[in-house]
């Protein structure tokens, strides 16, 4: 299924010069959403996956659906201060400043095999921080999977050593 035409491009959002890839239009097509989740479920069916890890907010949409479909736990990664129990944190660089992600300290166990899911791979900073958190807890990252990748932004470079799977590529910055 060609997903690219279902993804809306929003120019100059959230700031001038950014071409925002909006997956909310894709979600209006149940067959497309089903195609994504069923495809990933088949991809990971024989990989002994213990959990799906996703970051707020759009990673919750795809990661939660995949975890449900596979019958494994969904592990949320959130911005600092949003999780209620003891957490570990990873700080990462943004274009102007830094941000921090957290995961519950008891969310994963040593030896768990996980897939990181998000909607978009751009510069890779957010998912690299997620990967550090997962690794700190002793889990193994089987793959990081995304609906969209923007290859010109070189996000894969920040994920050296982590297999990456994407469904749609856009060659715009």
C-alpha atoms as a PDB file:
ATOM      1  CA  UNK A   1       0.000   0.000   0.000  1.00  0.00           C
ATOM      2  CA  UNK A   2       1.346   3.443  -0.903  1.00  0.00           C
ATOM      3  CA  UNK A   3       1.107   5.456   2.319  1.00  0.00           C
ATOM      4  CA  UNK A   4       2.802   8.646   1.079  1.00  0.00           C
ATOM      5  CA  UNK A   5      -0.311  10.233  -0.510  1.00  0.00           C
ATOM      6  CA  UNK A   6      -2.177   9.797   2.794  1.00  0.00           C
ATOM      7  CA  UNK A   7       0.338  11.917   4.737  1.00  0.00           C
ATOM      8  CA  UNK A   8      -0.383  15.637   4.696  1.00  0.00           C
ATOM      9  CA  UNK A   9       2.466  18.110   4.258  1.00  0.00           C
ATOM     10  CA  UNK A  10       2.027  21.272   6.336  1.00  0.00           C
ATOM     11  CA  UNK A  11       4.465  24.006   5.265  1.00  0.00           C
ATOM     12  CA  UNK A  12       6.028  26.311   7.859  1.00  0.00           C
ATOM     13  CA  UNK A  13       4.855  24.312  10.892  1.00  0.00           C
ATOM     14  CA  UNK A  14       5.779  24.549  13.709  1.00  0.00           C
ATOM     15  CA  UNK A  15       8.028  27.316  12.346  1.00  0.00           C
ATOM     16  CA  UNK A  16       9.038  28.842   9.035  1.00  0.00           C
ATOM     17  CA  UNK A  17      11.003  26.515   6.767  1.00  0.00           C
ATOM     18  CA  UNK A  18       9.767  23.262   8.316  1.00  0.00           C
ATOM     19  CA  UNK A  19       7.726  20.897   6.137  1.00  0.00           C
ATOM     20  CA  UNK A  20       5.701  19.051   8.806  1.00  0.00           C
ATOM     21  CA  UNK A  21       4.599  15.518   7.896  1.00  0.00           C
ATOM     22  CA  UNK A  22       1.140  15.118   9.437  1.00  0.00           C
ATOM     23  CA  UNK A  23       0.090  11.500  10.032  1.00  0.00           C
ATOM     24  CA  UNK A  24      -3.392  12.456  11.273  1.00  0.00           C
ATOM     25  CA  UNK A  25      -4.640  12.295   7.684  1.00  0.00           C
ATOM     26  CA  UNK A  26      -3.236   8.760   7.329  1.00  0.00           C
ATOM     27  CA  UNK A  27      -5.120   7.754  10.488  1.00  0.00           C
ATOM     28  CA  UNK A  28      -8.382   8.680   8.758  1.00  0.00           C
ATOM     29  CA  UNK A  29      -7.896   5.585   6.583  1.00  0.00           C
ATOM     30  CA  UNK A  30      -8.477   2.475   8.708  1.00  0.00           C
ATOM     31  CA  UNK A  31      -7.108   0.225   5.950  1.00  0.00           C
ATOM     32  CA  UNK A  32      -3.823   2.157   5.981  1.00  0.00           C
ATOM     33  CA  UNK A  33      -3.543   2.040   9.781  1.00  0.00           C
ATOM     34  CA  UNK A  34      -4.336  -1.697   9.707  1.00  0.00           C
ATOM     35  CA  UNK A  35      -1.727  -2.181   6.955  1.00  0.00           C
ATOM     36  CA  UNK A  36       0.952  -0.572   9.144  1.00  0.00           C
ATOM     37  CA  UNK A  37       0.123  -2.471  12.326  1.00  0.00           C
ATOM     38  CA  UNK A  38      -0.453  -5.826  10.621  1.00  0.00           C
ATOM     39  CA  UNK A  39       2.784  -5.430   8.647  1.00  0.00           C
ATOM     40  CA  UNK A  40       4.811  -4.709  11.763  1.00  0.00           C
ATOM     41  CA  UNK A  41       3.094  -7.530  13.655  1.00  0.00           C
ATOM     42  CA  UNK A  42       4.134  -9.962  10.900  1.00  0.00           C
ATOM     43  CA  UNK A  43       7.650  -8.478  10.791  1.00  0.00           C
ATOM     44  CA  UNK A  44       8.234  -9.082  14.514  1.00  0.00           C
ATOM     45  CA  UNK A  45       6.127 -12.231  14.989  1.00  0.00           C
ATOM     46  CA  UNK A  46       9.104 -14.606  15.267  1.00  0.00           C
ATOM     47  CA  UNK A  47      11.535 -12.255  17.014  1.00  0.00           C
ATOM     48  CA  UNK A  48      10.622 -13.023  20.655  1.00  0.00           C
ATOM     49  CA  UNK A  49       9.618  -9.410  21.353  1.00  0.00           C
ATOM     50  CA  UNK A  50       8.865  -8.730  25.050  1.00  0.00           C
ATOM     51  CA  UNK A  51       7.655  -5.115  24.739  1.00  0.00           C
ATOM     52  CA  UNK A  52       7.005  -2.204  22.417  1.00  0.00           C
ATOM     53  CA  UNK A  53       8.478   1.162  23.446  1.00  0.00           C
ATOM     54  CA  UNK A  54       6.964   4.391  22.147  1.00  0.00           C
ATOM     55  CA  UNK A  55       7.342   8.080  22.855  1.00  0.00           C
ATOM     56  CA  UNK A  56       4.530  10.530  23.312  1.00  0.00           C
ATOM     57  CA  UNK A  57       2.464  11.437  21.471  1.00  0.00           C
ATOM     58  CA  UNK A  58       2.404   9.853  18.029  1.00  0.00           C
ATOM     59  CA  UNK A  59       4.573   6.930  19.118  1.00  0.00           C
ATOM     60  CA  UNK A  60       1.761   6.077  21.531  1.00  0.00           C
ATOM     61  CA  UNK A  61      -0.675   5.714  18.610  1.00  0.00           C
ATOM     62  CA  UNK A  62       1.391   3.262  16.600  1.00  0.00           C
ATOM     63  CA  UNK A  63       3.228   1.617  19.490  1.00  0.00           C
ATOM     64  CA  UNK A  64       0.111   1.047  21.561  1.00  0.00           C
ATOM     65  CA  UNK A  65      -1.729  -0.514  18.619  1.00  0.00           C
ATOM     66  CA  UNK A  66       1.220  -2.771  17.800  1.00  0.00           C
ATOM     67  CA  UNK A  67       1.642  -3.880  21.426  1.00  0.00           C
ATOM     68  CA  UNK A  68      -2.067  -4.749  21.547  1.00  0.00           C
ATOM     69  CA  UNK A  69      -1.884  -6.652  18.254  1.00  0.00           C
ATOM     70  CA  UNK A  70       1.167  -8.615  19.421  1.00  0.00           C
ATOM     71  CA  UNK A  71      -0.104  -9.229  22.967  1.00  0.00           C
ATOM     72  CA  UNK A  72       2.955  -7.647  24.598  1.00  0.00           C
ATOM     73  CA  UNK A  73       3.338  -4.725  27.006  1.00  0.00           C
ATOM     74  CA  UNK A  74       3.509  -1.149  25.771  1.00  0.00           C
ATOM     75  CA  UNK A  75       6.178   0.945  27.524  1.00  0.00           C
ATOM     76  CA  UNK A  76       5.639   4.717  27.346  1.00  0.00           C
ATOM     77  CA  UNK A  77       8.514   7.183  27.189  1.00  0.00           C
ATOM     78  CA  UNK A  78       7.471  10.683  28.196  1.00  0.00           C
ATOM     79  CA  UNK A  79       8.794  14.187  28.640  1.00  0.00           C
ATOM     80  CA  UNK A  80      10.334  14.947  32.029  1.00  0.00           C
ATOM     81  CA  UNK A  81       7.922  15.037  34.970  1.00  0.00           C
ATOM     82  CA  UNK A  82       5.001  13.224  33.300  1.00  0.00           C
ATOM     83  CA  UNK A  83       5.486   9.697  34.667  1.00  0.00           C
ATOM     84  CA  UNK A  84       4.260   9.073  38.245  1.00  0.00           C
ATOM     85  CA  UNK A  85       6.730   6.508  39.612  1.00  0.00           C
ATOM     86  CA  UNK A  86      10.549   6.318  39.834  1.00  0.00           C
ATOM     87  CA  UNK A  87      12.140   7.042  36.464  1.00  0.00           C
ATOM     88  CA  UNK A  88      15.458   7.217  34.695  1.00  0.00           C
ATOM     89  CA  UNK A  89      16.134  10.094  32.306  1.00  0.00           C
ATOM     90  CA  UNK A  90      18.073  10.935  29.150  1.00  0.00           C
ATOM     91  CA  UNK A  91      18.717  14.469  27.936  1.00  0.00           C
ATOM     92  CA  UNK A  92      19.169  15.213  24.253  1.00  0.00           C
ATOM     93  CA  UNK A  93      19.927  18.237  22.097  1.00  0.00           C
ATOM     94  CA  UNK A  94      17.337  20.200  20.198  1.00  0.00           C
ATOM     95  CA  UNK A  95      17.962  22.841  17.573  1.00  0.00           C
ATOM     96  CA  UNK A  96      17.874  25.476  20.338  1.00  0.00           C
ATOM     97  CA  UNK A  97      18.525  23.918  23.745  1.00  0.00           C
ATOM     98  CA  UNK A  98      17.879  20.498  25.248  1.00  0.00           C
ATOM     99  CA  UNK A  99      14.987  18.316  26.351  1.00  0.00           C
ATOM    100  CA  UNK A 100      14.678  15.309  28.640  1.00  0.00           C
ATOM    101  CA  UNK A 101      12.831  12.016  28.262  1.00  0.00           C
ATOM    102  CA  UNK A 102      11.972   9.590  31.044  1.00  0.00           C
ATOM    103  CA  UNK A 103      10.964   5.954  31.364  1.00  0.00           C
ATOM    104  CA  UNK A 104       9.806   4.126  34.483  1.00  0.00           C
ATOM    105  CA  UNK A 105      12.805   2.458  36.118  1.00  0.00           C
ATOM    106  CA  UNK A 106      10.903  -0.846  36.329  1.00  0.00           C
ATOM    107  CA  UNK A 107       9.417  -0.773  32.805  1.00  0.00           C
ATOM    108  CA  UNK A 108      11.872  -3.253  31.285  1.00  0.00           C
ATOM    109  CA  UNK A 109      14.084  -6.045  32.549  1.00  0.00           C
ATOM    110  CA  UNK A 110      17.566  -7.142  31.592  1.00  0.00           C
ATOM    111  CA  UNK A 111      17.314  -9.306  28.488  1.00  0.00           C
ATOM    112  CA  UNK A 112      13.934  -8.008  27.303  1.00  0.00           C
ATOM    113  CA  UNK A 113      13.781  -7.730  23.522  1.00  0.00           C
ATOM    114  CA  UNK A 114      12.023  -4.564  22.400  1.00  0.00           C
ATOM    115  CA  UNK A 115      11.040  -2.618  19.322  1.00  0.00           C
ATOM    116  CA  UNK A 116      11.040   1.172  19.475  1.00  0.00           C
ATOM    117  CA  UNK A 117       8.148   2.657  17.486  1.00  0.00           C
ATOM    118  CA  UNK A 118       7.517   6.247  16.415  1.00  0.00           C
ATOM    119  CA  UNK A 119       5.854   8.066  13.566  1.00  0.00           C
ATOM    120  CA  UNK A 120       8.892   9.897  12.174  1.00  0.00           C
ATOM    121  CA  UNK A 121      12.672   9.619  12.007  1.00  0.00           C
ATOM    122  CA  UNK A 122      14.161  13.040  11.299  1.00  0.00           C
ATOM    123  CA  UNK A 123      17.390  14.097  13.057  1.00  0.00           C
ATOM    124  CA  UNK A 124      17.346  11.072  15.381  1.00  0.00           C
ATOM    125  CA  UNK A 125      17.940  12.884  18.674  1.00  0.00           C
ATOM    126  CA  UNK A 126      14.711  11.823  20.344  1.00  0.00           C
ATOM    127  CA  UNK A 127      14.950   8.162  19.385  1.00  0.00           C
ATOM    128  CA  UNK A 128      18.649   8.046  20.321  1.00  0.00           C
ATOM    129  CA  UNK A 129      17.653   9.241  23.808  1.00  0.00           C
ATOM    130  CA  UNK A 130      14.936   6.573  23.932  1.00  0.00           C
ATOM    131  CA  UNK A 131      17.495   3.953  22.933  1.00  0.00           C
ATOM    132  CA  UNK A 132      19.830   5.048  25.745  1.00  0.00           C
ATOM    133  CA  UNK A 133      17.000   4.628  28.254  1.00  0.00           C
ATOM    134  CA  UNK A 134      16.110   1.155  26.970  1.00  0.00           C
ATOM    135  CA  UNK A 135      19.776   0.111  27.071  1.00  0.00           C
ATOM    136  CA  UNK A 136      20.227   1.496  30.599  1.00  0.00           C
ATOM    137  CA  UNK A 137      17.481  -0.847  31.747  1.00  0.00           C
ATOM    138  CA  UNK A 138      19.335  -3.779  30.185  1.00  0.00           C
ATOM    139  CA  UNK A 139      16.906  -4.455  27.345  1.00  0.00           C
ATOM    140  CA  UNK A 140      17.959  -5.279  23.794  1.00  0.00           C
ATOM    141  CA  UNK A 141      16.672  -3.131  20.930  1.00  0.00           C
ATOM    142  CA  UNK A 142      15.717  -5.476  18.113  1.00  0.00           C
ATOM    143  CA  UNK A 143      14.806  -2.593  15.792  1.00  0.00           C
ATOM    144  CA  UNK A 144      13.530   0.973  15.664  1.00  0.00           C
ATOM    145  CA  UNK A 145      10.555   1.289  13.302  1.00  0.00           C
ATOM    146  CA  UNK A 146       8.991   4.429  11.875  1.00  0.00           C
ATOM    147  CA  UNK A 147       6.165   5.218   9.519  1.00  0.00           C
ATOM    148  CA  UNK A 148       8.146   8.089   7.933  1.00  0.00           C
ATOM    149  CA  UNK A 149      11.827   8.824   7.461  1.00  0.00           C
ATOM    150  CA  UNK A 150      13.402  12.065   6.248  1.00  0.00           C
ATOM    151  CA  UNK A 151      16.780  10.728   4.977  1.00  0.00           C
ATOM    152  CA  UNK A 152      18.311  14.176   4.275  1.00  0.00           C
ATOM    153  CA  UNK A 153      18.242  14.857   8.043  1.00  0.00           C
ATOM    154  CA  UNK A 154      20.519  11.825   8.680  1.00  0.00           C
ATOM    155  CA  UNK A 155      18.702  10.458  11.729  1.00  0.00           C
ATOM    156  CA  UNK A 156      20.076   6.963  11.121  1.00  0.00           C
ATOM    157  CA  UNK A 157      23.555   8.264  11.911  1.00  0.00           C
ATOM    158  CA  UNK A 158      22.541   8.866  15.542  1.00  0.00           C
ATOM    159  CA  UNK A 159      21.246   5.293  15.732  1.00  0.00           C
ATOM    160  CA  UNK A 160      24.459   3.516  14.746  1.00  0.00           C
ATOM    161  CA  UNK A 161      24.197  -0.147  15.648  1.00  0.00           C
ATOM    162  CA  UNK A 162      20.389  -0.142  15.840  1.00  0.00           C
ATOM    163  CA  UNK A 163      18.543  -1.652  12.881  1.00  0.00           C
ATOM    164  CA  UNK A 164      16.069   0.854  11.420  1.00  0.00           C
ATOM    165  CA  UNK A 165      12.888   0.064   9.478  1.00  0.00           C
ATOM    166  CA  UNK A 166      10.761   2.719   7.770  1.00  0.00           C
ATOM    167  CA  UNK A 167       7.702   2.579   5.536  1.00  0.00           C
ATOM    168  CA  UNK A 168       7.804   5.933   3.695  1.00  0.00           C
ATOM    169  CA  UNK A 169      10.679   8.247   2.809  1.00  0.00           C
ATOM    170  CA  UNK A 170      10.373  11.917   1.961  1.00  0.00           C
ATOM    171  CA  UNK A 171      13.440  13.600   0.456  1.00  0.00           C
ATOM    172  CA  UNK A 172      12.666  17.065   1.835  1.00  0.00           C
ATOM    173  CA  UNK A 173      14.330  18.944   4.654  1.00  0.00           C
END
